[in-house]
Amino acid sequence: MASLIDGSTITASNVSQRFRRADGQLVNALASVSFTIPEGQFVCLVGPSGCGKSTLLQVMSGLLAATDGTLEVGNKRVTQPAPERGVVFQKDSVFPWLRVIDNVEYGLKCAGVAKGRRREIAEHYLERVGLSHVSRAWPRELSGGMLKRVAIATVFANGANVLMLDEPFGALDYVTRRQLQEVLLTLWGETTGSGHRRTVIFVTHDVDEALLLADRVLVLRGGRLVDDLAVAAPRPRNTDSLLRADLVQAKHTLLNHLGLERSHA
């Protein structure tokens, strides 16, 4: 019998994704990308715009099929979206016609969870993200940062073992972004009902954000995986952690990949 620990391990084997644009040009969005992400790891995807980060996330979530290669989660091939894989998109992904608590409950309702139990779960995660006081509010009444908190509460409430976030904090101010990073890390640090930590894939352009959040940073450029950096700095991390010699070197490496610095000897 497969171990529970294998349930959220992600394995990509020579994943490629090609499409033809409206002007007829063939685009190689991903080219033979391979990696394994163990259960419970927090991984950031970094790379310049158009390098394939969001495309890879869509393939991992099952929203987009790979042209070639295979992607498996827990030894099951990904061919379509599934409740064990939750996604937080770059743009707001709340239903404007539902109140905050009803948004958080929606996935549980679709899964057939009893009304009382789903209300209990929704209230718990709204409390965890600091939104208990606006549970009956409409999304239009919330700030951008609060809407992201709703999205985070929703994806955790749904109970997914694998969480995928596509630049969720990119449009937020510095203070709100740092607060939400802490909320995300706190929730990630908690174990699931099976006693294991969730696996997180987090897309970002922000090198400092990647180094503060990740156990590991995968770097994409031109649709290819060009680097795989371990981030061994102890947790919890803060802005002072970025002054550590190993993180300074990692930052130079990432900036070089992004074309913002020349290679350091």
Protein backbone atom coordinates (compact mmCIF):
# COMPACT_ATOMS: atom_id res chain seq x y z
CA MET A 1 0.00 0.00 0.00
CA ALA A 2 1.32 3.47 -0.92
CA SER A 3 2.53 5.62 1.97
CA LEU A 4 0.47 8.64 2.97
CA ILE A 5 3.64 10.67 2.50
CA ASP A 6 3.50 9.90 -1.23
CA GLY A 7 0.01 11.38 -1.50
CA SER A 8 1.15 14.89 -2.38
CA THR A 9 4.56 14.22 -3.95
CA ILE A 10 4.72 15.91 -7.36
CA THR A 11 6.72 14.35 -10.20
CA ALA A 12 7.19 16.01 -13.59
CA SER A 13 8.82 13.92 -16.32
CA ASN A 14 9.86 15.72 -19.51
CA VAL A 15 6.79 17.96 -19.45
CA SER A 16 6.39 20.10 -22.56
CA GLN A 17 3.57 22.40 -23.57
CA ARG A 18 3.25 23.94 -27.03
CA PHE A 19 0.53 26.03 -28.57
CA ARG A 20 0.00 28.05 -31.71
CA ARG A 21 -0.80 31.73 -31.38
CA ALA A 22 -3.47 33.49 -33.41
CA ASP A 23 -0.74 34.79 -35.73
CA GLY A 24 0.28 31.22 -36.51
CA GLN A 25 3.53 31.21 -34.54
CA LEU A 26 4.31 28.07 -32.54
CA VAL A 27 5.15 28.82 -28.90
CA ASN A 28 7.15 26.38 -26.79
CA ALA A 29 5.82 27.40 -23.39
CA LEU A 30 7.49 24.47 -21.59
CA ALA A 31 10.33 22.30 -22.87
CA SER A 32 11.14 18.93 -21.25
CA VAL A 33 10.74 20.07 -17.63
CA SER A 34 11.49 17.40 -15.02
CA PHE A 35 11.57 17.54 -11.20
CA THR A 36 10.28 15.84 -8.06
CA ILE A 37 8.77 17.81 -5.17
CA PRO A 38 8.43 15.75 -1.97
CA GLU A 39 5.35 15.92 0.23
CA GLY A 40 5.29 18.96 2.52
CA GLN A 41 7.87 21.06 0.68
CA PHE A 42 7.33 24.77 0.00
CA VAL A 43 8.64 25.48 -3.50
CA CYS A 44 8.78 28.83 -5.31
CA LEU A 45 8.81 29.09 -9.10
CA VAL A 46 10.87 32.07 -10.26
CA GLY A 47 11.70 33.40 -13.70
CA PRO A 48 11.20 36.34 -16.07
CA SER A 49 7.80 37.11 -17.55
CA GLY A 50 6.78 34.63 -20.23
CA CYS A 51 9.17 31.90 -19.05
CA GLY A 52 6.45 29.31 -18.42
CA LYS A 53 5.78 29.64 -14.67
CA SER A 54 2.01 30.07 -14.92
CA THR A 55 1.80 27.49 -17.71
CA LEU A 56 3.56 24.95 -15.50
CA LEU A 57 1.21 25.74 -12.64
CA GLN A 58 -1.79 25.20 -14.91
CA VAL A 59 -0.43 21.84 -16.04
CA MET A 60 0.21 20.84 -12.41
CA SER A 61 -3.32 21.83 -11.43
CA GLY A 62 -4.90 19.96 -14.36
CA LEU A 63 -6.30 23.10 -15.98
CA LEU A 64 -4.03 22.65 -19.01
CA ALA A 65 -2.84 19.43 -20.61
CA ALA A 66 0.84 18.82 -21.30
CA THR A 67 1.68 18.34 -24.96
CA ASP A 68 4.35 15.80 -24.06
CA GLY A 69 5.59 14.14 -20.88
CA THR A 70 3.75 13.30 -17.68
CA LEU A 71 2.95 15.02 -14.41
CA GLU A 72 1.90 12.99 -11.39
CA VAL A 73 0.68 13.91 -7.93
CA GLY A 74 0.78 11.07 -5.43
CA ASN A 75 1.54 8.55 -8.21
CA LYS A 76 -1.63 9.56 -10.06
CA ARG A 77 -1.29 11.17 -13.46
CA VAL A 78 -2.77 14.68 -13.62
CA THR A 79 -5.30 14.94 -16.45
CA GLN A 80 -7.90 17.31 -14.98
CA PRO A 81 -8.55 19.46 -11.92
CA ALA A 82 -9.14 17.58 -8.66
CA PRO A 83 -10.15 18.58 -5.11
CA GLU A 84 -6.80 17.46 -3.68
CA ARG A 85 -5.10 20.27 -5.64
CA GLY A 86 -6.14 23.81 -4.69
CA VAL A 87 -5.29 26.94 -6.70
CA VAL A 88 -5.10 30.63 -5.77
CA PHE A 89 -4.96 32.74 -8.91
CA GLN A 90 -3.19 36.04 -9.50
CA LYS A 91 -6.50 37.81 -10.03
CA ASP A 92 -9.26 37.83 -7.44
CA SER A 93 -11.04 34.48 -7.49
CA VAL A 94 -13.97 35.09 -5.16
CA PHE A 95 -17.60 35.01 -6.23
CA PRO A 96 -18.93 38.59 -5.98
CA TRP A 97 -22.51 37.37 -5.50
CA LEU A 98 -21.63 35.35 -2.39
CA ARG A 99 -20.85 36.72 1.05
CA VAL A 100 -17.37 36.07 2.42
CA ILE A 101 -18.30 33.05 4.51
CA ASP A 102 -20.33 31.56 1.66
CA ASN A 103 -17.27 31.87 -0.61
CA VAL A 104 -15.17 29.94 1.89
CA GLU A 105 -17.90 27.30 2.23
CA TYR A 106 -18.54 26.91 -1.51
CA GLY A 107 -16.08 24.09 -2.25
CA LEU A 108 -17.19 22.21 0.85
CA LYS A 109 -20.80 22.56 -0.22
CA CYS A 110 -19.94 21.14 -3.66
CA ALA A 111 -18.19 18.24 -1.92
CA GLY A 112 -21.36 17.42 0.00
CA VAL A 113 -20.11 18.46 3.44
CA ALA A 114 -22.98 18.94 5.89
CA LYS A 115 -24.07 22.54 6.48
CA GLY A 116 -23.07 22.68 10.13
CA ARG A 117 -19.66 21.14 9.53
CA ARG A 118 -18.80 23.36 6.57
CA ARG A 119 -19.83 26.44 8.54
CA GLU A 120 -17.53 25.31 11.36
CA ILE A 121 -14.60 24.83 8.94
CA ALA A 122 -15.21 28.16 7.20
CA GLU A 123 -15.39 30.06 10.48
CA HIS A 124 -12.16 28.41 11.63
CA TYR A 125 -10.18 29.48 8.58
CA LEU A 126 -11.67 32.97 8.50
CA GLU A 127 -10.51 33.33 12.09
CA ARG A 128 -7.06 32.02 11.11
CA VAL A 129 -6.67 34.68 8.39
CA GLY A 130 -8.11 37.45 10.59
CA LEU A 131 -11.43 37.95 8.82
CA SER A 132 -14.01 36.74 11.35
CA HIS A 133 -15.33 40.28 11.66
CA VAL A 134 -16.27 40.48 7.96
CA SER A 135 -17.67 36.98 7.47
CA ARG A 136 -21.04 38.39 6.36
CA ALA A 137 -19.60 41.12 4.16
CA TRP A 138 -19.76 41.19 0.35
CA PRO A 139 -16.47 40.92 -1.58
CA ARG A 140 -16.95 44.42 -3.02
CA GLU A 141 -16.71 45.79 0.52
CA LEU A 142 -13.21 44.36 1.08
CA SER A 143 -9.73 45.63 0.23
CA GLY A 144 -7.41 43.76 -2.13
CA GLY A 145 -5.47 42.30 0.78
CA MET A 146 -8.65 41.10 2.46
CA LEU A 147 -9.80 39.42 -0.76
CA LYS A 148 -6.51 37.51 -0.86
CA ARG A 149 -7.12 36.41 2.71
CA VAL A 150 -10.52 35.10 1.62
CA ALA A 151 -8.86 33.15 -1.21
CA ILE A 152 -6.29 31.66 1.18
CA ALA A 153 -8.97 30.73 3.71
CA THR A 154 -10.99 29.10 0.94
CA VAL A 155 -8.17 26.96 -0.45
CA PHE A 156 -7.16 25.74 3.02
CA ALA A 157 -10.78 25.09 4.02
CA ASN A 158 -11.25 22.85 1.00
CA GLY A 159 -8.63 20.50 2.45
CA ALA A 160 -6.34 20.16 -0.58
CA ASN A 161 -3.03 18.41 0.04
CA VAL A 162 -1.30 20.43 -2.70
CA LEU A 163 -1.70 24.21 -2.88
CA MET A 164 -0.69 26.20 -5.95
CA LEU A 165 -0.52 30.00 -5.82
CA ASP A 166 0.11 32.10 -8.93
CA GLU A 167 1.69 35.43 -7.84
CA PRO A 168 -1.06 35.91 -5.26
CA PHE A 169 0.53 38.90 -3.52
CA GLY A 170 2.12 40.66 -6.49
CA ALA A 171 -0.33 43.58 -6.61
CA LEU A 172 -0.34 44.26 -2.86
CA ASP A 173 1.54 46.89 -0.88
CA TYR A 174 4.64 45.84 1.07
CA VAL A 175 3.02 45.73 4.51
CA THR A 176 0.01 43.72 3.35
CA ARG A 177 2.24 41.38 1.38
CA ARG A 178 4.44 40.65 4.41
CA GLN A 179 1.39 40.07 6.60
CA LEU A 180 -0.08 37.60 4.11
CA GLN A 181 3.25 35.80 3.74
CA GLU A 182 3.17 35.19 7.50
CA VAL A 183 -0.45 34.01 7.35
CA LEU A 184 0.41 31.59 4.54
CA LEU A 185 3.50 30.22 6.31
CA THR A 186 1.58 29.75 9.56
CA LEU A 187 -1.18 27.77 7.84
CA TRP A 188 1.35 25.77 5.81
CA GLY A 189 3.14 24.86 9.04
CA GLU A 190 0.02 23.16 10.37
CA THR A 191 -0.53 19.51 9.51
CA THR A 192 -3.53 18.14 7.64
CA GLY A 193 -6.00 15.63 9.04
CA SER A 194 -3.67 12.84 7.87
CA GLY A 195 -0.86 14.31 9.97
CA HIS A 196 1.23 15.68 7.09
CA ARG A 197 2.15 19.15 5.97
CA ARG A 198 0.71 20.40 2.68
CA THR A 199 2.87 20.78 -0.42
CA VAL A 200 2.95 24.38 -1.70
CA ILE A 201 3.94 25.65 -5.15
CA PHE A 202 4.20 29.44 -5.18
CA VAL A 203 4.87 31.50 -8.33
CA THR A 204 6.60 34.85 -7.77
CA HIS A 205 8.74 37.47 -9.53
CA ASP A 206 10.04 38.69 -6.17
CA VAL A 207 13.41 37.15 -5.29
CA ASP A 208 13.25 38.26 -1.65
CA GLU A 209 9.79 36.76 -1.31
CA ALA A 210 11.04 33.44 -2.70
CA LEU A 211 13.97 33.36 -0.27
CA LEU A 212 11.76 34.20 2.71
CA LEU A 213 9.14 31.58 1.88
CA ALA A 214 10.73 28.64 0.14
CA ASP A 215 12.52 25.44 1.02
CA ARG A 216 13.55 25.35 -2.61
CA VAL A 217 13.46 27.62 -5.67
CA LEU A 218 12.95 26.29 -9.18
CA VAL A 219 14.09 28.72 -11.88
CA LEU A 220 12.49 28.74 -15.33
CA ARG A 221 13.76 30.56 -18.40
CA GLY A 222 12.52 30.13 -21.95
CA GLY A 223 10.26 27.28 -20.87
CA ARG A 224 13.17 25.27 -19.43
CA LEU A 225 14.15 24.47 -15.87
CA VAL A 226 17.57 26.11 -15.56
CA ASP A 227 18.26 25.92 -11.82
CA ASP A 228 17.09 24.21 -8.65
CA LEU A 229 18.24 26.00 -5.49
CA ALA A 230 17.83 24.68 -1.96
CA VAL A 231 17.10 27.36 0.67
CA ALA A 232 18.52 25.99 3.92
CA ALA A 233 18.14 29.08 6.12
CA PRO A 234 16.37 28.23 9.39
CA ARG A 235 12.77 29.22 10.02
CA PRO A 236 11.15 31.50 10.97
CA ARG A 237 12.81 33.97 8.60
CA ASN A 238 12.57 37.75 8.49
CA THR A 239 14.17 40.57 6.52
CA ASP A 240 17.37 40.19 8.56
CA SER A 241 17.60 36.61 7.31
CA LEU A 242 18.19 38.00 3.82
CA LEU A 243 21.56 39.30 5.06
CA ARG A 244 22.87 35.78 5.68
CA ALA A 245 25.80 34.97 3.41
CA ASP A 246 24.06 31.96 1.85
CA LEU A 247 20.89 33.93 1.07
CA VAL A 248 22.88 36.86 -0.33
CA GLN A 249 24.63 34.41 -2.67
CA ALA A 250 21.32 32.79 -3.60
CA LYS A 251 19.86 36.22 -4.33
CA HIS A 252 22.75 37.06 -6.67
CA THR A 253 22.23 33.73 -8.44
CA LEU A 254 18.51 34.37 -8.90
CA LEU A 255 19.03 37.95 -10.05
CA ASN A 256 21.54 36.68 -12.58
CA HIS A 257 18.97 34.22 -13.91
CA LEU A 258 16.51 37.10 -14.20
CA GLY A 259 19.05 39.13 -16.20
CA LEU A 260 19.37 41.78 -13.51
CA GLU A 261 22.98 41.05 -12.55
CA ARG A 262 26.05 39.62 -14.17
CA SER A 263 27.32 36.37 -12.76
CA HIS A 264 29.33 36.72 -9.54
CA ALA A 265 32.53 34.77 -9.29
